[in-house]
Protein backbone atom coordinates (compact mmCIF):
# COMPACT_ATOMS: atom_id res chain seq x y z
CA MET A 1 -6.56 19.56 -25.02
CA ASN A 2 -6.46 22.96 -23.32
CA LEU A 3 -5.21 21.28 -20.14
CA LEU A 4 -2.38 19.56 -22.05
CA ILE A 5 -1.40 22.84 -23.72
CA SER A 6 -1.40 24.56 -20.32
CA VAL A 7 0.80 21.82 -18.83
CA PHE A 8 3.21 22.14 -21.79
CA ARG A 9 3.40 25.90 -21.42
CA LEU A 10 3.90 25.58 -17.67
CA ASP A 11 6.71 23.07 -18.19
CA SER A 12 8.43 25.34 -20.75
CA ALA A 13 8.08 28.40 -18.54
CA ALA A 14 9.30 26.49 -15.47
CA SER A 15 12.30 25.16 -17.39
CA SER A 16 13.31 28.63 -18.59
CA LEU A 17 12.88 29.98 -15.08
CA VAL A 18 14.81 27.23 -13.32
CA SER A 19 17.68 26.87 -15.82
CA PRO A 20 19.62 29.94 -14.55
CA LEU A 21 19.27 28.59 -11.01
CA CYS A 22 20.75 25.20 -11.78
CA SER A 23 24.27 26.61 -11.49
CA ARG A 24 23.60 27.69 -7.91
CA PHE A 25 21.29 25.01 -6.59
CA SER A 26 21.57 21.26 -6.58
CA LYS A 27 19.42 19.03 -8.73
CA GLN A 28 17.45 17.97 -5.66
CA LYS A 29 16.39 21.53 -4.85
CA THR A 30 15.51 22.18 -8.49
CA SER A 31 13.36 19.06 -8.64
CA PHE A 32 11.57 20.03 -5.44
CA PHE A 33 10.93 23.52 -6.83
CA LEU A 34 9.40 22.05 -10.00
CA ILE A 35 7.20 19.71 -7.97
CA LEU A 36 5.81 22.60 -5.95
CA ILE A 37 5.01 24.49 -9.15
CA PHE A 38 3.27 21.48 -10.68
CA SER A 39 1.20 20.72 -7.55
CA SER A 40 0.14 24.38 -7.32
CA PHE A 41 -0.90 24.25 -10.97
CA ILE A 42 -3.02 21.12 -10.36
CA ILE A 43 -4.76 22.75 -7.40
CA LEU A 44 -5.49 25.93 -9.36
CA GLN A 45 -6.89 23.92 -12.26
CA ALA A 46 -9.09 21.96 -9.86
CA GLN A 47 -10.39 25.16 -8.29
CA GLU A 48 -11.02 26.73 -11.70
CA ARG A 49 -13.05 23.70 -12.77
CA LYS A 50 -14.92 23.77 -9.42
CA LEU A 51 -13.60 20.35 -8.44
CA LEU A 52 -12.68 21.33 -4.89
CA VAL A 53 -16.29 21.73 -3.76
CA PRO A 54 -17.28 18.85 -1.47
CA LEU A 55 -21.06 18.89 -1.02
CA TRP A 56 -23.00 18.41 2.18
CA VAL A 57 -24.87 15.47 0.73
CA GLU A 58 -23.18 12.23 -0.30
CA PRO A 59 -22.53 10.76 -2.81
CA HIS A 60 -20.23 13.38 -4.32
CA SER A 61 -21.76 15.36 -7.16
CA THR A 62 -20.95 18.64 -8.86
CA SER A 63 -24.59 19.36 -9.62
CA GLN A 64 -26.49 21.99 -7.66
CA PHE A 65 -28.29 20.47 -4.67
CA THR A 66 -31.94 21.43 -4.27
CA ILE A 67 -34.59 20.69 -1.69
CA GLU A 68 -36.77 19.05 -4.32
CA SER A 69 -34.08 16.41 -4.96
CA LEU A 70 -34.45 14.99 -1.44
CA PRO A 71 -36.16 11.60 -1.09
CA SER A 72 -39.10 11.39 1.25
CA ASN A 73 -38.68 7.90 2.77
CA GLU A 74 -37.74 7.42 6.41
CA GLU A 75 -34.30 5.93 5.75
CA HIS A 76 -32.83 9.33 4.96
CA ALA A 77 -31.93 12.08 7.37
CA ILE A 78 -34.68 14.53 6.42
CA GLU A 79 -38.24 13.45 5.68
CA THR A 80 -40.13 16.52 4.47
CA THR A 81 -39.36 19.78 2.72
CA GLU A 82 -40.52 21.78 5.74
CA ALA A 83 -38.41 19.71 8.11
CA PHE A 84 -35.40 20.11 5.87
CA LYS A 85 -35.78 23.89 5.89
CA GLU A 86 -35.94 23.89 9.67
CA ALA A 87 -32.95 21.55 9.99
CA LEU A 88 -30.68 23.44 7.63
CA TRP A 89 -31.64 27.07 8.09
CA ALA A 90 -33.43 26.88 11.47
CA LEU A 91 -36.65 28.20 9.92
CA PRO A 92 -39.93 27.53 11.73
CA ILE A 93 -42.44 25.09 10.26
CA SER A 94 -45.31 27.12 8.88
CA SER A 95 -47.97 24.47 9.31
CA SER A 96 -49.85 24.22 12.63
CA PRO A 97 -51.19 20.65 12.95
CA THR A 98 -54.20 20.25 15.18
CA ASP A 99 -54.36 16.48 15.15
CA SER A 100 -51.67 14.58 17.03
CA SER A 101 -51.34 12.21 14.07
CA GLU A 102 -50.17 15.14 11.91
CA VAL A 103 -47.36 16.15 14.26
CA PRO A 104 -44.02 15.71 12.43
CA LYS A 105 -41.75 12.95 13.61
CA ARG A 106 -38.63 13.73 15.62
CA LEU A 107 -36.30 15.79 13.47
CA LYS A 108 -33.21 13.85 12.39
CA LEU A 109 -30.18 16.09 12.20
CA LEU A 110 -27.67 13.29 11.69
CA PRO A 111 -27.48 10.62 8.98
CA ALA A 112 -28.52 7.13 10.00
CA ASN A 113 -25.40 5.36 8.72
CA MET A 114 -22.50 7.14 10.37
CA SER A 115 -19.05 5.59 10.70
CA LEU A 116 -17.64 4.58 14.08
CA GLY A 117 -15.39 7.64 14.11
CA GLU A 118 -18.26 9.98 13.31
CA ARG A 119 -20.41 8.43 16.03
CA ALA A 120 -17.56 8.73 18.54
CA LEU A 121 -16.98 12.42 17.77
CA TRP A 122 -20.23 13.79 16.32
CA GLY A 123 -22.94 11.34 17.40
CA GLU A 124 -25.76 12.28 19.76
CA SER A 125 -23.55 11.13 22.67
CA GLY A 126 -20.26 11.80 20.89
CA LEU A 127 -17.20 13.43 22.39
CA PHE A 128 -17.85 16.91 20.97
CA ARG A 129 -21.50 16.80 22.13
CA SER A 130 -20.54 15.62 25.62
CA LEU A 131 -17.90 18.31 26.02
CA GLY A 132 -20.34 20.99 24.88
CA PHE A 133 -18.32 21.98 21.81
CA ALA A 134 -21.17 21.20 19.40
CA GLU A 135 -24.83 21.16 20.31
CA LEU A 136 -27.19 19.00 18.30
CA THR A 137 -29.52 21.75 17.10
CA PRO A 138 -30.53 22.92 13.60
CA THR A 139 -28.50 26.11 13.98
CA ALA A 140 -25.43 24.25 15.22
CA ARG A 141 -25.72 21.68 12.43
CA LYS A 142 -25.75 24.50 9.89
CA SER A 143 -22.40 25.71 11.26
CA GLU A 144 -21.09 22.14 11.25
CA LEU A 145 -21.94 21.75 7.56
CA GLU A 146 -20.03 24.93 6.74
CA PHE A 147 -17.11 23.59 8.77
CA ARG A 148 -17.40 20.32 6.84
CA ARG A 149 -17.05 22.13 3.53
CA THR A 150 -13.89 23.84 4.77
CA THR A 151 -12.24 20.74 6.23
CA LEU A 152 -12.97 18.58 3.16
CA SER A 153 -11.64 21.24 0.79
CA LEU A 154 -8.45 21.46 2.87
CA HIS A 155 -8.38 17.66 2.96
CA GLN A 156 -8.39 17.54 -0.83
CA ILE A 157 -5.70 20.21 -1.23
CA SER A 158 -3.54 18.54 1.41
CA GLY A 159 -3.97 15.26 -0.46
CA PHE A 160 -2.48 16.81 -3.61
CA LEU A 161 0.41 18.17 -1.56
CA THR A 162 1.05 14.72 -0.08
CA LEU A 163 0.99 13.20 -3.55
CA ALA A 164 3.52 15.78 -4.77
CA LEU A 165 5.85 15.08 -1.84
CA PHE A 166 5.51 11.35 -2.41
CA ILE A 167 7.14 11.52 -5.87
CA PRO A 168 10.64 12.67 -4.78
CA THR A 169 10.37 10.34 -1.77
CA LEU A 170 10.00 7.39 -4.13
CA TYR A 171 12.73 8.67 -6.44
CA PHE A 172 15.41 9.08 -3.78
CA GLY A 173 14.25 5.95 -1.99
CA GLN A 174 14.67 3.90 -5.15
CA SER A 175 18.13 5.40 -5.68
CA ARG A 176 19.08 4.47 -2.12
CA ILE A 177 17.89 0.87 -2.55
CA ASN A 178 19.80 0.55 -5.82
CA ASP A 179 22.98 1.76 -4.12
CA LEU A 180 22.60 -0.61 -1.16
CA ASN A 181 21.89 -3.61 -3.38
CA ARG A 182 24.92 -2.81 -5.52
CA ALA A 183 27.14 -2.40 -2.47
CA GLN A 184 26.30 -5.96 -1.37
CA THR A 185 27.78 -7.38 -4.60
CA ASP A 186 30.35 -4.74 -5.53
CA PHE A 187 32.60 -4.15 -2.51
CA SER A 188 34.43 -1.31 -4.29
CA PHE A 189 31.20 0.72 -4.47
CA PHE A 190 30.23 3.01 -1.60
CA PRO A 191 26.59 4.27 -1.36
CA ASN A 192 25.94 7.99 -1.38
CA ASN A 193 24.84 8.94 2.13
CA ASN A 194 23.41 12.24 0.87
CA THR A 195 20.73 10.28 -0.98
CA ALA A 196 19.68 8.64 2.28
CA SER A 197 19.43 12.01 4.04
CA ILE A 198 17.35 13.53 1.25
CA HIS A 199 15.08 10.48 1.13
CA ARG A 200 14.58 10.63 4.90
CA ALA A 201 13.68 14.33 4.79
CA PHE A 202 11.12 13.84 2.01
CA ALA A 203 9.71 10.75 3.73
CA MET A 204 9.15 12.66 6.98
CA ALA A 205 7.50 15.55 5.10
CA THR A 206 5.27 13.12 3.20
CA PHE A 207 4.24 11.31 6.38
CA ALA A 208 3.45 14.57 8.19
CA SER A 209 1.44 15.86 5.24
CA TYR A 210 -0.42 12.55 4.97
CA MET A 211 -1.38 12.48 8.64
CA THR A 212 -2.58 16.08 8.42
CA THR A 213 -4.73 15.11 5.45
CA ALA A 214 -6.17 12.14 7.34
CA LEU A 215 -6.86 14.27 10.43
CA LEU A 216 -8.85 16.77 8.37
CA SER A 217 -11.06 13.93 7.17
CA VAL A 218 -11.49 12.35 10.60
CA LEU A 219 -12.46 15.66 12.25
CA SER A 220 -14.96 16.51 9.51
CA PRO A 221 -18.59 16.49 10.76
CA PRO A 222 -21.01 14.04 9.10
CA PRO A 223 -23.15 15.23 6.18
CA LEU A 224 -26.83 16.00 6.49
CA ILE A 225 -27.75 13.05 4.27
CA ARG A 226 -25.75 9.93 3.38
CA ARG A 227 -27.43 7.71 0.84
CA ASP A 228 -26.95 3.97 1.21
CA GLU A 229 -25.43 3.34 -2.23
CA TRP A 230 -21.99 2.87 -3.77
CA SER A 231 -20.38 6.02 -5.13
CA THR A 232 -17.02 7.61 -5.90
CA ILE A 233 -16.76 8.54 -2.24
CA SER A 234 -17.20 4.87 -1.32
CA THR A 235 -14.32 3.99 -3.65
CA HIS A 236 -12.26 6.83 -2.17
CA LYS A 237 -12.82 5.51 1.35
CA LEU A 238 -12.00 1.93 0.33
CA LEU A 239 -8.70 3.05 -1.18
CA SER A 240 -7.98 5.15 1.90
CA TRP A 241 -7.80 2.01 4.03
CA ILE A 242 -5.19 0.57 1.65
CA HIS A 243 -2.89 3.59 1.59
CA PHE A 244 -3.39 4.23 5.32
CA ILE A 245 -2.16 0.73 6.20
CA GLY A 246 0.66 1.09 3.68
CA MET A 247 1.70 4.44 5.10
CA LEU A 248 2.02 2.91 8.57
CA ALA A 249 3.76 -0.26 7.37
CA THR A 250 6.38 1.44 5.18
CA PRO A 251 8.47 3.06 7.97
CA VAL A 252 8.14 -0.08 10.11
CA LEU A 253 9.61 -2.24 7.34
CA ILE A 254 12.61 0.04 6.78
CA LYS A 255 13.25 0.13 10.53
CA LEU A 256 13.25 -3.69 10.60
CA SER A 257 15.60 -3.68 7.64
CA LEU A 258 18.08 -1.44 9.43
CA ASP A 259 17.93 -3.63 12.55
CA ALA A 260 18.36 -6.92 10.66
CA THR A 261 21.66 -8.72 11.25
CA SER A 262 22.03 -10.68 8.00
CA LEU A 263 22.47 -9.13 4.56
CA GLU A 264 19.79 -11.40 3.10
CA ALA A 265 17.22 -10.28 5.69
CA GLN A 266 18.11 -6.64 5.06
CA LYS A 267 17.60 -7.05 1.32
CA ASN A 268 14.28 -8.88 1.73
CA LEU A 269 12.92 -6.24 4.11
CA ARG A 270 14.07 -3.44 1.79
CA THR A 271 12.19 -5.13 -1.04
CA ALA A 272 9.06 -5.38 1.12
CA HIS A 273 9.48 -1.71 2.04
CA GLN A 274 9.84 -0.84 -1.65
CA ILE A 275 6.73 -2.78 -2.75
CA THR A 276 4.66 -1.34 0.11
CA ALA A 277 5.72 2.22 -0.76
CA TYR A 278 4.78 1.85 -4.44
CA THR A 279 1.45 0.20 -3.52
CA THR A 280 0.69 3.03 -1.10
CA PHE A 281 1.48 5.63 -3.74
CA ALA A 282 -0.75 3.86 -6.29
CA ALA A 283 -3.67 3.64 -3.86
CA LEU A 284 -3.27 7.29 -2.86
CA SER A 285 -3.12 8.40 -6.49
CA LEU A 286 -6.27 6.45 -7.40
CA SER A 287 -8.14 7.80 -4.38
CA MET A 288 -7.34 11.36 -5.46
CA ILE A 289 -8.34 10.67 -9.06
CA VAL A 290 -11.74 9.14 -8.27
CA ILE A 291 -12.72 11.96 -5.89
CA THR A 292 -11.53 14.78 -8.15
CA PHE A 293 -12.00 13.74 -11.77
């Protein structure tokens, strides 16, 4: 209820602030200004509710992580409390085993089930290890986990920005499609070329923001522990494949539409472009919802 009241107050305040500017600026600039205000409000609300705090351990949880919550079986990255302390904070193991059977097993600083991208970049023989940018030591892994927190927080904020830019992209894109479809049946109607320019500008900004968001996720180091179970992060990653493919297919379809020779082919490709864009937006929205709320 408090969130709804805050949104209502923000909308009223934004309307009173923007109204005097409407005489000087176009409706497109006013809409973009309102979108920036709304996206900033969403990010601030998420930070206030401590939603933008990706943890080192998956699955995602807002509860405080403790050493005692670690499992002790061999399938997980860390096997004992003492080994965990050494891996995370580079503290020495206090015990001094005298029997060879009591010697701790080789310390695992990486999760067992890493993705192909994580193995290629952050694995024991990954690119960053081979180039000497990141050593596989407890101290280095501690720095990597801090870097992971930063990149995933920026990834989440950049995702909200991409979502905000996506809205006017869809709006002006739909207006452009409506104009083109009408022009094919009503020869006295001429489409507004300004709509196409605005749509193209928003589309390029959305694509750039999206790729930046994806890059922040790809470059993020792996967590210390990744449990082999389905979670909100698993759903987030599944949806990411859908909107990633859609984001690549959308500009290809509109390019094919512009190059098509027949009016029927142009209309069919525009429709495919339209459906792909809306599907991509839906998948991106759901992926942000499941990871945040």
